[in-house]
């Protein structure tokens, strides 16, 4: 099971930087960390830092060409598009991955 998240351009890999941190990005970061602890392979690609990854994935490149940056983020599961334009919920990713969501997710400390 592999989840790939193609993020819009952000100042750092998780978007958890700068003076105003978007709560949606905090939640997505927690989701990624929790899924990894559950044994799911998760990779994130940032358009600003890893543009080559967007070009190398034909599906993502085609989506960007047809729809522009508004299509981001793109979440793929095992090479198939799962969700575009917004981040999926932890529970959605668990369901699609065939794992049970943890009742209590690990607390993430942002430094």
N, C-alpha and C. Protein backbone atom coordinates (compact mmCIF):
# COMPACT_ATOMS: atom_id res chain seq x y z
N UNK A 1 0.85 -1.18 0.00
CA UNK A 1 0.00 0.00 0.00
C UNK A 1 0.89 1.24 0.00
N UNK A 2 0.65 2.10 -0.98
CA UNK A 2 1.45 3.33 -1.07
C UNK A 2 0.53 4.51 -1.34
N UNK A 3 0.69 5.54 -0.53
CA UNK A 3 -0.06 6.79 -0.70
C UNK A 3 0.92 7.87 -1.10
N UNK A 4 0.59 8.60 -2.16
CA UNK A 4 1.40 9.72 -2.61
C UNK A 4 0.54 10.98 -2.57
N UNK A 5 1.10 12.04 -2.00
CA UNK A 5 0.38 13.30 -1.91
C UNK A 5 1.20 14.36 -2.65
N UNK A 6 0.59 14.94 -3.66
CA UNK A 6 1.23 15.99 -4.45
C UNK A 6 0.66 17.32 -3.98
N UNK A 7 1.46 18.02 -3.15
CA UNK A 7 1.03 19.26 -2.52
C UNK A 7 1.23 20.46 -3.44
N UNK A 8 0.44 21.52 -3.24
CA UNK A 8 0.74 22.77 -3.94
C UNK A 8 2.06 23.33 -3.44
N UNK A 9 2.55 24.38 -4.08
CA UNK A 9 3.81 24.99 -3.66
C UNK A 9 3.68 25.52 -2.24
N UNK A 10 4.60 25.09 -1.38
CA UNK A 10 4.63 25.53 0.02
C UNK A 10 6.07 25.87 0.38
N UNK A 11 6.23 26.63 1.46
CA UNK A 11 7.57 27.09 1.85
C UNK A 11 8.46 25.96 2.38
N UNK A 12 7.85 24.89 2.88
CA UNK A 12 8.62 23.74 3.36
C UNK A 12 7.86 22.47 3.02
N UNK A 13 8.45 21.32 3.27
CA UNK A 13 7.86 20.06 2.84
C UNK A 13 6.48 19.77 3.43
N UNK A 14 6.21 20.22 4.64
CA UNK A 14 4.93 19.94 5.28
C UNK A 14 3.99 21.13 5.28
N UNK A 15 4.51 22.32 4.99
CA UNK A 15 3.70 23.53 5.07
C UNK A 15 3.56 24.05 6.49
N UNK A 16 4.25 23.40 7.43
CA UNK A 16 4.15 23.78 8.83
C UNK A 16 5.26 24.76 9.20
N UNK A 17 5.28 25.88 8.50
CA UNK A 17 6.31 26.87 8.74
C UNK A 17 5.70 28.25 8.52
N UNK A 18 6.42 29.27 8.88
CA UNK A 18 5.93 30.63 8.69
C UNK A 18 5.05 31.08 9.85
N UNK A 19 4.61 32.32 9.80
CA UNK A 19 3.86 32.89 10.92
C UNK A 19 2.43 32.36 11.05
N UNK A 20 1.77 32.05 9.94
CA UNK A 20 0.39 31.57 10.00
C UNK A 20 0.29 30.16 9.48
N UNK A 21 0.22 29.19 10.38
CA UNK A 21 0.17 27.79 9.97
C UNK A 21 -1.29 27.40 9.71
N UNK A 22 -1.54 26.86 8.53
CA UNK A 22 -2.87 26.43 8.13
C UNK A 22 -3.26 25.18 8.91
N UNK A 23 -4.38 25.21 9.64
CA UNK A 23 -4.79 24.03 10.43
C UNK A 23 -5.04 22.80 9.56
N UNK A 24 -5.41 22.99 8.30
CA UNK A 24 -5.61 21.86 7.39
C UNK A 24 -4.29 21.13 7.18
N UNK A 25 -3.18 21.89 7.08
CA UNK A 25 -1.87 21.28 6.90
C UNK A 25 -1.41 20.57 8.16
N UNK A 26 -1.75 21.12 9.32
CA UNK A 26 -1.42 20.45 10.60
C UNK A 26 -2.13 19.10 10.64
N UNK A 27 -3.40 19.09 10.29
CA UNK A 27 -4.18 17.85 10.31
C UNK A 27 -3.62 16.84 9.31
N UNK A 28 -3.22 17.31 8.13
CA UNK A 28 -2.67 16.40 7.12
C UNK A 28 -1.33 15.83 7.58
N UNK A 29 -0.51 16.66 8.21
CA UNK A 29 0.77 16.19 8.73
C UNK A 29 0.54 15.10 9.79
N UNK A 30 -0.43 15.31 10.67
CA UNK A 30 -0.76 14.30 11.69
C UNK A 30 -1.25 13.02 11.03
N UNK A 31 -2.06 13.16 9.99
CA UNK A 31 -2.57 12.00 9.27
C UNK A 31 -1.42 11.20 8.67
N UNK A 32 -0.48 11.88 8.02
CA UNK A 32 0.67 11.21 7.40
C UNK A 32 1.49 10.48 8.46
N UNK A 33 1.79 11.15 9.57
CA UNK A 33 2.58 10.52 10.64
C UNK A 33 1.87 9.30 11.22
N UNK A 34 0.56 9.41 11.41
CA UNK A 34 -0.21 8.30 11.97
C UNK A 34 -0.25 7.12 11.00
N UNK A 35 -0.48 7.39 9.72
CA UNK A 35 -0.50 6.31 8.73
C UNK A 35 0.85 5.60 8.66
N UNK A 36 1.93 6.37 8.74
CA UNK A 36 3.27 5.77 8.72
C UNK A 36 3.46 4.87 9.93
N UNK A 37 2.96 5.29 11.10
CA UNK A 37 3.08 4.46 12.30
C UNK A 37 2.26 3.19 12.17
N UNK A 38 1.26 3.22 11.29
CA UNK A 38 0.41 2.04 11.06
C UNK A 38 0.95 1.17 9.92
N UNK A 39 2.14 1.52 9.42
CA UNK A 39 2.79 0.70 8.41
C UNK A 39 2.46 1.04 6.97
N UNK A 40 1.80 2.16 6.73
CA UNK A 40 1.46 2.57 5.37
C UNK A 40 2.60 3.44 4.83
N UNK A 41 3.02 3.17 3.61
CA UNK A 41 4.06 3.99 2.98
C UNK A 41 3.40 5.26 2.44
N UNK A 42 3.87 6.41 2.92
CA UNK A 42 3.31 7.69 2.48
C UNK A 42 4.44 8.60 2.02
N UNK A 43 4.29 9.16 0.83
CA UNK A 43 5.26 10.12 0.30
C UNK A 43 4.53 11.40 -0.05
N UNK A 44 5.16 12.53 0.28
CA UNK A 44 4.61 13.83 -0.09
C UNK A 44 5.59 14.53 -1.02
N UNK A 45 5.03 15.22 -2.00
CA UNK A 45 5.83 15.97 -2.96
C UNK A 45 5.32 17.41 -2.97
N UNK A 46 6.24 18.35 -2.83
CA UNK A 46 5.92 19.78 -2.80
C UNK A 46 6.28 20.38 -4.15
N UNK A 47 5.31 21.03 -4.78
CA UNK A 47 5.52 21.60 -6.11
C UNK A 47 6.69 22.58 -6.14
N UNK A 48 6.88 23.35 -5.08
CA UNK A 48 7.97 24.33 -5.04
C UNK A 48 9.34 23.67 -4.92
N UNK A 49 9.41 22.55 -4.20
CA UNK A 49 10.70 21.93 -3.92
C UNK A 49 10.99 20.71 -4.79
N UNK A 50 9.96 20.06 -5.31
CA UNK A 50 10.16 18.83 -6.09
C UNK A 50 9.34 18.85 -7.39
N UNK A 51 9.48 19.87 -8.21
CA UNK A 51 8.67 19.95 -9.43
C UNK A 51 8.87 18.76 -10.37
N UNK A 52 10.06 18.16 -10.33
CA UNK A 52 10.35 17.02 -11.20
C UNK A 52 9.41 15.85 -10.91
N UNK A 53 9.06 15.64 -9.64
CA UNK A 53 8.15 14.54 -9.28
C UNK A 53 6.79 14.72 -9.93
N UNK A 54 6.35 15.97 -10.08
CA UNK A 54 5.06 16.25 -10.70
C UNK A 54 5.10 15.96 -12.21
N UNK A 55 6.24 16.24 -12.81
CA UNK A 55 6.40 16.00 -14.25
C UNK A 55 6.58 14.52 -14.55
N UNK A 56 7.24 13.80 -13.64
CA UNK A 56 7.52 12.38 -13.85
C UNK A 56 6.28 11.50 -13.69
N UNK A 57 5.30 11.99 -12.94
CA UNK A 57 4.06 11.23 -12.77
C UNK A 57 3.09 11.72 -13.85
N UNK A 58 2.89 10.90 -14.89
CA UNK A 58 2.08 11.31 -16.04
C UNK A 58 0.67 11.71 -15.63
N UNK A 59 0.07 10.99 -14.71
CA UNK A 59 -1.29 11.29 -14.27
C UNK A 59 -1.36 12.67 -13.65
N UNK A 60 -0.44 12.97 -12.74
CA UNK A 60 -0.41 14.27 -12.07
C UNK A 60 -0.09 15.37 -13.08
N UNK A 61 0.87 15.12 -13.95
CA UNK A 61 1.22 16.11 -14.97
C UNK A 61 0.02 16.43 -15.86
N UNK A 62 -0.72 15.39 -16.27
CA UNK A 62 -1.92 15.60 -17.09
C UNK A 62 -2.99 16.39 -16.35
N UNK A 63 -3.20 16.05 -15.09
CA UNK A 63 -4.19 16.78 -14.28
C UNK A 63 -3.81 18.26 -14.17
N UNK A 64 -2.54 18.53 -13.93
CA UNK A 64 -2.07 19.92 -13.82
C UNK A 64 -2.23 20.65 -15.16
N UNK A 65 -1.91 19.96 -16.24
CA UNK A 65 -2.01 20.58 -17.57
C UNK A 65 -3.46 20.94 -17.89
N UNK A 66 -4.39 20.04 -17.56
CA UNK A 66 -5.81 20.25 -17.88
C UNK A 66 -6.50 21.23 -16.92
N UNK A 67 -6.12 21.20 -15.64
CA UNK A 67 -6.86 21.94 -14.62
C UNK A 67 -6.09 23.07 -13.94
N UNK A 68 -4.78 23.13 -14.13
CA UNK A 68 -3.98 24.12 -13.44
C UNK A 68 -3.74 23.73 -11.99
N UNK A 69 -3.13 24.65 -11.25
CA UNK A 69 -2.73 24.35 -9.87
C UNK A 69 -3.91 24.17 -8.91
N UNK A 70 -5.11 24.59 -9.33
CA UNK A 70 -6.27 24.43 -8.45
C UNK A 70 -6.60 22.96 -8.18
N UNK A 71 -6.06 22.06 -9.02
CA UNK A 71 -6.31 20.63 -8.85
C UNK A 71 -5.55 20.08 -7.63
N UNK A 72 -4.52 20.81 -7.19
CA UNK A 72 -3.71 20.38 -6.05
C UNK A 72 -4.41 20.67 -4.73
N UNK A 73 -4.20 19.84 -3.73
CA UNK A 73 -3.37 18.65 -3.72
C UNK A 73 -4.03 17.48 -4.46
N UNK A 74 -3.18 16.59 -4.95
CA UNK A 74 -3.63 15.34 -5.56
C UNK A 74 -3.14 14.21 -4.66
N UNK A 75 -4.07 13.36 -4.25
CA UNK A 75 -3.71 12.19 -3.44
C UNK A 75 -3.92 10.95 -4.28
N UNK A 76 -2.89 10.12 -4.34
CA UNK A 76 -2.95 8.88 -5.10
C UNK A 76 -2.73 7.70 -4.16
N UNK A 77 -3.45 6.63 -4.42
CA UNK A 77 -3.27 5.39 -3.67
C UNK A 77 -2.94 4.29 -4.66
N UNK A 78 -1.77 3.69 -4.48
CA UNK A 78 -1.28 2.65 -5.39
C UNK A 78 -1.36 3.08 -6.85
N UNK A 79 -0.98 4.32 -7.11
CA UNK A 79 -0.91 4.81 -8.48
C UNK A 79 -2.21 5.31 -9.07
N UNK A 80 -3.31 5.22 -8.32
CA UNK A 80 -4.61 5.67 -8.81
C UNK A 80 -5.02 6.95 -8.07
N UNK A 81 -5.63 7.88 -8.81
CA UNK A 81 -6.09 9.12 -8.18
C UNK A 81 -7.19 8.80 -7.19
N UNK A 82 -7.02 9.28 -5.96
CA UNK A 82 -8.00 9.07 -4.89
C UNK A 82 -8.81 10.34 -4.64
N UNK A 83 -8.11 11.49 -4.58
CA UNK A 83 -8.80 12.76 -4.31
C UNK A 83 -7.99 13.90 -4.88
N UNK A 84 -8.70 14.92 -5.38
CA UNK A 84 -8.03 16.11 -5.90
C UNK A 84 -8.68 17.35 -5.31
N UNK A 85 -7.91 18.44 -5.26
CA UNK A 85 -8.43 19.73 -4.85
C UNK A 85 -8.55 19.96 -3.36
N UNK A 86 -8.43 18.91 -2.57
CA UNK A 86 -8.44 19.02 -1.10
C UNK A 86 -7.80 17.77 -0.51
N UNK A 87 -7.39 17.90 0.73
CA UNK A 87 -6.76 16.76 1.40
C UNK A 87 -7.82 15.80 1.91
N UNK A 88 -7.57 14.50 1.76
CA UNK A 88 -8.51 13.52 2.30
C UNK A 88 -8.42 13.46 3.82
N UNK A 89 -9.48 13.01 4.44
CA UNK A 89 -9.49 12.80 5.89
C UNK A 89 -8.73 11.52 6.23
N UNK A 90 -8.21 11.48 7.43
CA UNK A 90 -7.51 10.29 7.92
C UNK A 90 -8.38 9.05 7.76
N UNK A 91 -9.65 9.18 8.15
CA UNK A 91 -10.56 8.03 8.09
C UNK A 91 -10.79 7.56 6.65
N UNK A 92 -10.82 8.49 5.70
CA UNK A 92 -10.97 8.12 4.29
C UNK A 92 -9.76 7.31 3.81
N UNK A 93 -8.58 7.75 4.20
CA UNK A 93 -7.36 7.04 3.80
C UNK A 93 -7.27 5.67 4.46
N UNK A 94 -7.69 5.58 5.70
CA UNK A 94 -7.71 4.27 6.38
C UNK A 94 -8.65 3.32 5.66
N UNK A 95 -9.84 3.79 5.34
CA UNK A 95 -10.83 2.97 4.65
C UNK A 95 -10.29 2.49 3.30
N UNK A 96 -9.72 3.40 2.54
CA UNK A 96 -9.17 3.05 1.22
C UNK A 96 -7.97 2.12 1.33
N UNK A 97 -7.26 2.19 2.46
CA UNK A 97 -6.07 1.36 2.67
C UNK A 97 -6.40 0.03 3.33
N UNK A 98 -7.65 -0.13 3.76
CA UNK A 98 -8.06 -1.38 4.39
C UNK A 98 -7.55 -1.55 5.81
N UNK A 99 -7.31 -0.43 6.50
CA UNK A 99 -6.87 -0.51 7.89
C UNK A 99 -7.88 0.20 8.77
N UNK A 100 -7.90 -0.18 10.04
CA UNK A 100 -8.80 0.46 10.99
C UNK A 100 -8.17 1.75 11.50
N UNK A 101 -8.95 2.83 11.59
CA UNK A 101 -8.40 4.07 12.14
C UNK A 101 -8.09 3.88 13.63
N UNK A 102 -7.01 4.51 14.07
CA UNK A 102 -6.69 4.48 15.49
C UNK A 102 -7.71 5.34 16.23
N UNK A 103 -8.16 4.86 17.38
CA UNK A 103 -9.12 5.64 18.17
C UNK A 103 -8.48 6.91 18.70
N UNK A 104 -7.21 6.77 19.11
CA UNK A 104 -6.48 7.92 19.63
C UNK A 104 -5.20 8.06 18.82
N UNK A 105 -5.16 9.11 18.01
CA UNK A 105 -3.98 9.34 17.17
C UNK A 105 -2.86 9.90 18.03
N UNK A 106 -1.62 9.58 17.67
CA UNK A 106 -0.48 10.13 18.39
C UNK A 106 -0.47 11.66 18.28
N UNK A 107 -0.09 12.31 19.35
CA UNK A 107 -0.01 13.76 19.37
C UNK A 107 1.27 14.21 18.66
N UNK A 108 1.12 15.18 17.79
CA UNK A 108 2.26 15.70 17.05
C UNK A 108 2.69 17.03 17.65
N UNK A 109 3.95 17.15 17.93
CA UNK A 109 4.47 18.40 18.46
C UNK A 109 5.16 19.14 17.31
N UNK A 110 4.78 20.40 17.13
CA UNK A 110 5.38 21.22 16.09
C UNK A 110 6.39 22.15 16.73
N UNK A 111 7.60 22.09 16.22
CA UNK A 111 8.62 22.99 16.79
C UNK A 111 9.08 23.99 15.76
